[in-house]
Amino acid sequence: MSDNRESAIQFPCDFPIKVMGRTADDFDTLVLSIVQRHVGNLSEESVTVRASAGGNYVSVTVTVIAESQHQLDNLYRELSGHERVVMVL
């Protein structure tokens, strides 16, 4: 699926998305469930989870195969709108 809007990104491409939130046992599961709604299944190699130095926050980095700017916009919108997500990069 192609997006007609100008973009500096050439689609399809590997695209890393970093999502940060408060440390909780299920935060990575939450992030993955949202990401999978937009991109489908993910491999274990495409997901990295890292705790902050103080242990209060966790980041989940997911590398997805982005098909369009529209897909990325919708994914960012849903992630950043979730109450448990502090930041999306």
N, C-alpha and C. Protein backbone atom coordinates (compact mmCIF):
# COMPACT_ATOMS: atom_id res chain seq x y z
N MET A 1 0.85 -1.18 0.00
CA MET A 1 0.00 0.00 0.00
C MET A 1 0.89 1.23 0.00
N SER A 2 0.68 2.12 -0.91
CA SER A 2 1.51 3.30 -1.05
C SER A 2 0.79 4.53 -0.53
N ASP A 3 1.55 5.44 0.05
CA ASP A 3 1.00 6.69 0.57
C ASP A 3 1.44 7.80 -0.37
N ASN A 4 0.53 8.63 -0.83
CA ASN A 4 0.84 9.68 -1.80
C ASN A 4 1.55 10.88 -1.20
N ARG A 5 1.51 11.03 0.10
CA ARG A 5 2.12 12.16 0.77
C ARG A 5 3.64 12.07 0.69
N GLU A 6 4.31 13.22 0.55
CA GLU A 6 5.76 13.26 0.52
C GLU A 6 6.33 12.75 1.84
N SER A 7 7.39 11.96 1.75
CA SER A 7 8.05 11.44 2.93
C SER A 7 9.52 11.26 2.63
N ALA A 8 10.36 11.49 3.62
CA ALA A 8 11.79 11.28 3.45
C ALA A 8 12.12 9.80 3.56
N ILE A 9 11.16 8.99 3.98
CA ILE A 9 11.36 7.56 4.17
C ILE A 9 10.92 6.82 2.91
N GLN A 10 11.73 5.86 2.49
CA GLN A 10 11.37 5.00 1.36
C GLN A 10 10.72 3.74 1.92
N PHE A 11 9.47 3.49 1.54
CA PHE A 11 8.72 2.34 2.03
C PHE A 11 8.72 1.22 1.01
N PRO A 12 8.66 -0.03 1.45
CA PRO A 12 8.73 -0.52 2.83
C PRO A 12 10.17 -0.44 3.36
N CYS A 13 10.28 -0.38 4.69
CA CYS A 13 11.59 -0.31 5.33
C CYS A 13 11.52 -0.78 6.77
N ASP A 14 12.69 -1.17 7.30
CA ASP A 14 12.78 -1.47 8.73
C ASP A 14 12.75 -0.15 9.47
N PHE A 15 11.91 -0.06 10.50
CA PHE A 15 11.74 1.21 11.21
C PHE A 15 11.67 0.93 12.71
N PRO A 16 12.67 1.40 13.48
CA PRO A 16 12.65 1.18 14.93
C PRO A 16 11.75 2.20 15.64
N ILE A 17 10.97 1.70 16.58
CA ILE A 17 10.09 2.55 17.39
C ILE A 17 10.42 2.27 18.85
N LYS A 18 10.73 3.31 19.61
CA LYS A 18 11.04 3.15 21.03
C LYS A 18 9.88 3.72 21.84
N VAL A 19 9.36 2.89 22.77
CA VAL A 19 8.22 3.27 23.60
C VAL A 19 8.66 3.19 25.06
N MET A 20 8.45 4.27 25.81
CA MET A 20 8.86 4.30 27.21
C MET A 20 7.65 4.45 28.13
N GLY A 21 7.75 3.78 29.27
CA GLY A 21 6.69 3.85 30.27
C GLY A 21 7.22 3.47 31.63
N ARG A 22 6.36 3.57 32.64
CA ARG A 22 6.72 3.17 34.00
C ARG A 22 6.93 1.66 34.03
N THR A 23 7.87 1.22 34.83
CA THR A 23 8.18 -0.21 34.94
C THR A 23 6.96 -0.98 35.45
N ALA A 24 6.59 -2.00 34.71
CA ALA A 24 5.50 -2.92 35.08
C ALA A 24 5.75 -4.22 34.34
N ASP A 25 5.34 -5.32 34.96
CA ASP A 25 5.58 -6.63 34.36
C ASP A 25 4.96 -6.78 32.97
N ASP A 26 3.87 -6.10 32.71
CA ASP A 26 3.16 -6.30 31.46
C ASP A 26 3.32 -5.16 30.45
N PHE A 27 4.25 -4.22 30.70
CA PHE A 27 4.36 -3.08 29.79
C PHE A 27 4.79 -3.52 28.39
N ASP A 28 5.76 -4.44 28.30
CA ASP A 28 6.19 -4.90 26.98
C ASP A 28 5.06 -5.61 26.24
N THR A 29 4.24 -6.37 26.96
CA THR A 29 3.10 -7.05 26.35
C THR A 29 2.09 -6.05 25.82
N LEU A 30 1.85 -4.99 26.57
CA LEU A 30 0.95 -3.92 26.13
C LEU A 30 1.45 -3.29 24.84
N VAL A 31 2.72 -2.91 24.82
CA VAL A 31 3.31 -2.27 23.64
C VAL A 31 3.22 -3.20 22.43
N LEU A 32 3.59 -4.46 22.62
CA LEU A 32 3.56 -5.41 21.51
C LEU A 32 2.16 -5.63 20.97
N SER A 33 1.16 -5.65 21.84
CA SER A 33 -0.21 -5.84 21.36
C SER A 33 -0.66 -4.67 20.51
N ILE A 34 -0.27 -3.45 20.88
CA ILE A 34 -0.61 -2.27 20.07
C ILE A 34 0.13 -2.32 18.74
N VAL A 35 1.41 -2.60 18.78
CA VAL A 35 2.22 -2.63 17.55
C VAL A 35 1.69 -3.70 16.59
N GLN A 36 1.36 -4.86 17.11
CA GLN A 36 0.88 -5.95 16.25
C GLN A 36 -0.44 -5.63 15.57
N ARG A 37 -1.26 -4.80 16.16
CA ARG A 37 -2.51 -4.38 15.50
C ARG A 37 -2.22 -3.61 14.22
N HIS A 38 -1.06 -2.97 14.15
CA HIS A 38 -0.73 -2.13 13.00
C HIS A 38 0.22 -2.79 12.00
N VAL A 39 1.03 -3.75 12.46
CA VAL A 39 2.03 -4.34 11.57
C VAL A 39 1.97 -5.85 11.48
N GLY A 40 1.14 -6.50 12.25
CA GLY A 40 1.08 -7.95 12.23
C GLY A 40 2.07 -8.58 13.18
N ASN A 41 2.41 -9.82 12.93
CA ASN A 41 3.28 -10.57 13.83
C ASN A 41 4.71 -10.03 13.81
N LEU A 42 5.38 -10.18 14.94
CA LEU A 42 6.76 -9.73 15.09
C LEU A 42 7.63 -10.92 15.50
N SER A 43 8.90 -10.86 15.11
CA SER A 43 9.83 -11.89 15.56
C SER A 43 10.45 -11.45 16.88
N GLU A 44 10.97 -12.41 17.65
CA GLU A 44 11.61 -12.08 18.92
C GLU A 44 12.81 -11.16 18.71
N GLU A 45 13.50 -11.32 17.59
CA GLU A 45 14.68 -10.51 17.30
C GLU A 45 14.34 -9.03 17.07
N SER A 46 13.08 -8.74 16.79
CA SER A 46 12.70 -7.36 16.49
C SER A 46 12.33 -6.56 17.75
N VAL A 47 12.42 -7.20 18.93
CA VAL A 47 11.99 -6.55 20.17
C VAL A 47 13.14 -6.53 21.17
N THR A 48 13.39 -5.34 21.75
CA THR A 48 14.38 -5.19 22.81
C THR A 48 13.73 -4.45 23.97
N VAL A 49 13.93 -4.98 25.19
CA VAL A 49 13.38 -4.36 26.40
C VAL A 49 14.55 -3.98 27.29
N ARG A 50 14.52 -2.74 27.78
CA ARG A 50 15.61 -2.26 28.62
C ARG A 50 15.07 -1.40 29.76
N ALA A 51 15.54 -1.68 30.97
CA ALA A 51 15.14 -0.89 32.15
C ALA A 51 16.03 0.34 32.27
N SER A 52 15.50 1.40 32.85
CA SER A 52 16.29 2.61 33.10
C SER A 52 17.28 2.33 34.23
N ALA A 53 18.26 3.20 34.37
CA ALA A 53 19.29 3.02 35.41
C ALA A 53 18.68 2.94 36.80
N GLY A 54 17.66 3.75 37.06
CA GLY A 54 17.01 3.75 38.37
C GLY A 54 15.95 2.68 38.52
N GLY A 55 15.60 2.02 37.43
CA GLY A 55 14.59 0.97 37.49
C GLY A 55 13.16 1.44 37.51
N ASN A 56 12.94 2.75 37.39
CA ASN A 56 11.57 3.28 37.43
C ASN A 56 10.86 3.23 36.08
N TYR A 57 11.64 3.18 35.00
CA TYR A 57 11.08 3.21 33.65
C TYR A 57 11.63 2.05 32.85
N VAL A 58 10.91 1.72 31.79
CA VAL A 58 11.34 0.67 30.88
C VAL A 58 11.12 1.17 29.46
N SER A 59 12.03 0.79 28.56
CA SER A 59 11.83 1.13 27.15
C SER A 59 11.71 -0.17 26.36
N VAL A 60 10.79 -0.15 25.42
CA VAL A 60 10.58 -1.28 24.52
C VAL A 60 10.85 -0.75 23.12
N THR A 61 11.88 -1.29 22.48
CA THR A 61 12.19 -0.91 21.10
C THR A 61 11.74 -2.04 20.19
N VAL A 62 10.92 -1.68 19.22
CA VAL A 62 10.39 -2.65 18.27
C VAL A 62 10.77 -2.18 16.87
N THR A 63 11.43 -3.04 16.12
CA THR A 63 11.75 -2.73 14.73
C THR A 63 10.69 -3.39 13.86
N VAL A 64 9.93 -2.56 13.16
CA VAL A 64 8.82 -3.05 12.34
C VAL A 64 9.16 -2.85 10.86
N ILE A 65 8.46 -3.56 10.01
CA ILE A 65 8.56 -3.30 8.58
C ILE A 65 7.44 -2.34 8.25
N ALA A 66 7.82 -1.08 8.09
CA ALA A 66 6.83 -0.02 7.82
C ALA A 66 6.46 -0.04 6.34
N GLU A 67 5.17 -0.02 6.09
CA GLU A 67 4.66 -0.05 4.71
C GLU A 67 4.29 1.33 4.18
N SER A 68 3.98 2.27 5.09
CA SER A 68 3.56 3.61 4.64
C SER A 68 3.65 4.61 5.79
N GLN A 69 3.65 5.87 5.44
CA GLN A 69 3.63 6.93 6.45
C GLN A 69 2.31 6.89 7.22
N HIS A 70 1.24 6.57 6.53
CA HIS A 70 -0.08 6.47 7.16
C HIS A 70 -0.07 5.41 8.26
N GLN A 71 0.52 4.26 7.97
CA GLN A 71 0.63 3.19 8.96
C GLN A 71 1.42 3.66 10.19
N LEU A 72 2.56 4.31 9.97
CA LEU A 72 3.37 4.81 11.08
C LEU A 72 2.63 5.87 11.88
N ASP A 73 1.94 6.77 11.20
CA ASP A 73 1.18 7.81 11.90
C ASP A 73 0.12 7.20 12.81
N ASN A 74 -0.61 6.21 12.31
CA ASN A 74 -1.64 5.55 13.12
C ASN A 74 -1.04 4.82 14.31
N LEU A 75 0.09 4.16 14.10
CA LEU A 75 0.77 3.45 15.17
C LEU A 75 1.24 4.42 16.25
N TYR A 76 1.91 5.50 15.84
CA TYR A 76 2.37 6.51 16.80
C TYR A 76 1.20 7.13 17.55
N ARG A 77 0.12 7.40 16.86
CA ARG A 77 -1.06 8.00 17.47
C ARG A 77 -1.62 7.10 18.57
N GLU A 78 -1.75 5.81 18.29
CA GLU A 78 -2.30 4.90 19.29
C GLU A 78 -1.35 4.72 20.47
N LEU A 79 -0.06 4.56 20.18
CA LEU A 79 0.91 4.38 21.27
C LEU A 79 0.97 5.62 22.16
N SER A 80 1.12 6.79 21.56
CA SER A 80 1.27 8.01 22.36
C SER A 80 -0.01 8.40 23.08
N GLY A 81 -1.14 7.90 22.62
CA GLY A 81 -2.42 8.19 23.27
C GLY A 81 -2.74 7.28 24.43
N HIS A 82 -1.96 6.23 24.61
CA HIS A 82 -2.25 5.29 25.70
C HIS A 82 -1.79 5.88 27.02
N GLU A 83 -2.60 5.72 28.04
CA GLU A 83 -2.33 6.33 29.36
C GLU A 83 -1.05 5.83 30.02
N ARG A 84 -0.60 4.63 29.70
CA ARG A 84 0.61 4.08 30.33
C ARG A 84 1.89 4.41 29.58
N VAL A 85 1.78 4.98 28.41
CA VAL A 85 2.95 5.33 27.62
C VAL A 85 3.39 6.75 27.96
N VAL A 86 4.65 6.88 28.33
CA VAL A 86 5.19 8.19 28.68
C VAL A 86 5.73 8.91 27.45
N MET A 87 6.41 8.17 26.54
CA MET A 87 7.03 8.78 25.39
C MET A 87 7.20 7.75 24.27
N VAL A 88 7.07 8.23 23.02
CA VAL A 88 7.29 7.39 21.85
C VAL A 88 8.30 8.11 20.95
N LEU A 89 9.35 7.42 20.60
CA LEU A 89 10.37 7.97 19.70
C LEU A 89 10.47 7.13 18.45
